[in-house]
Protein backbone atom coordinates (compact mmCIF):
# COMPACT_ATOMS: atom_id res chain seq x y z
CA UNK A 1 6.56 4.61 25.91
CA UNK A 2 3.28 4.88 23.97
CA UNK A 3 3.29 5.61 20.27
CA UNK A 4 2.67 9.23 19.27
CA UNK A 5 0.39 8.76 16.27
CA UNK A 6 -0.08 12.49 15.66
CA UNK A 7 3.69 13.01 15.47
CA UNK A 8 4.08 9.95 13.25
CA UNK A 9 1.44 11.29 10.86
CA UNK A 10 2.92 14.79 10.87
CA UNK A 11 6.50 13.57 10.30
CA UNK A 12 5.81 10.84 7.74
CA UNK A 13 2.27 9.86 6.72
CA UNK A 14 1.05 13.43 6.22
CA UNK A 15 3.74 14.37 3.71
CA UNK A 16 2.51 14.98 0.14
CA UNK A 17 4.62 12.12 -1.25
CA UNK A 18 3.11 9.62 1.21
CA UNK A 19 -0.42 10.90 0.61
CA UNK A 20 0.09 10.40 -3.15
CA UNK A 21 1.40 6.85 -2.66
CA UNK A 22 -1.50 5.99 -0.33
CA UNK A 23 -3.94 7.26 -2.98
CA UNK A 24 -2.24 5.05 -5.59
CA UNK A 25 -2.54 1.99 -3.32
CA UNK A 26 -6.21 2.75 -2.63
CA UNK A 27 -6.90 3.14 -6.35
CA UNK A 28 -5.26 -0.22 -7.05
CA UNK A 29 -7.51 -1.87 -4.42
CA UNK A 30 -10.59 -0.29 -5.98
CA UNK A 31 -9.54 -1.31 -9.51
CA UNK A 32 -9.16 -4.93 -8.39
CA UNK A 33 -12.55 -4.88 -6.61
CA UNK A 34 -11.18 -5.41 -3.09
CA UNK A 35 -13.19 -4.32 -0.07
CA UNK A 36 -11.97 -3.22 3.35
CA UNK A 37 -11.47 -6.11 5.75
CA UNK A 38 -11.47 -8.87 3.13
CA UNK A 39 -7.97 -10.13 4.02
CA UNK A 40 -6.63 -9.61 0.51
CA UNK A 41 -4.20 -6.98 -0.70
CA UNK A 42 -3.01 -5.72 -4.05
CA UNK A 43 0.62 -6.60 -4.60
CA UNK A 44 2.63 -4.35 -6.87
CA UNK A 45 5.08 -6.66 -8.65
CA UNK A 46 7.40 -3.66 -9.01
CA UNK A 47 6.78 -1.59 -5.85
CA UNK A 48 5.58 2.00 -6.05
CA UNK A 49 8.67 2.94 -4.04
CA UNK A 50 10.86 1.61 -6.86
CA UNK A 51 9.02 3.32 -9.68
CA UNK A 52 6.26 0.79 -10.28
CA UNK A 53 2.80 1.94 -11.22
CA UNK A 54 -0.82 0.83 -11.14
CA UNK A 55 -0.92 -0.73 -14.58
CA UNK A 56 -2.80 -4.03 -14.73
CA UNK A 57 0.40 -5.85 -15.64
CA UNK A 58 2.04 -4.67 -12.39
CA UNK A 59 -0.82 -5.66 -10.05
CA UNK A 60 -1.93 -8.93 -8.55
CA UNK A 61 -4.22 -9.88 -5.68
CA UNK A 62 -2.58 -11.80 -2.86
CA UNK A 63 -3.20 -12.59 0.79
CA UNK A 64 -2.19 -10.01 3.37
CA UNK A 65 0.18 -12.53 4.95
CA UNK A 66 2.02 -13.25 1.67
CA UNK A 67 2.29 -9.58 0.74
CA UNK A 68 3.61 -8.51 4.15
CA UNK A 69 6.06 -11.41 4.23
CA UNK A 70 7.43 -10.26 0.86
CA UNK A 71 7.89 -6.71 2.14
CA UNK A 72 9.77 -7.85 5.24
CA UNK A 73 12.16 -10.20 3.54
């Protein structure tokens, strides 16, 4: 069964809380000077979902692989 991206956006990604968190992640990328497609990500030492913020002391640049591995495990 194919993925219903419109439903997924409507039910999750389009909610105000998720839009706010996405804006925070995008701001962190901009603050660290990262460009789209560069293979790097901003890692929040204390995740936004657990009350972390975008302060410089909570951010670090890491590879996409390392950051995604951390989130999954």
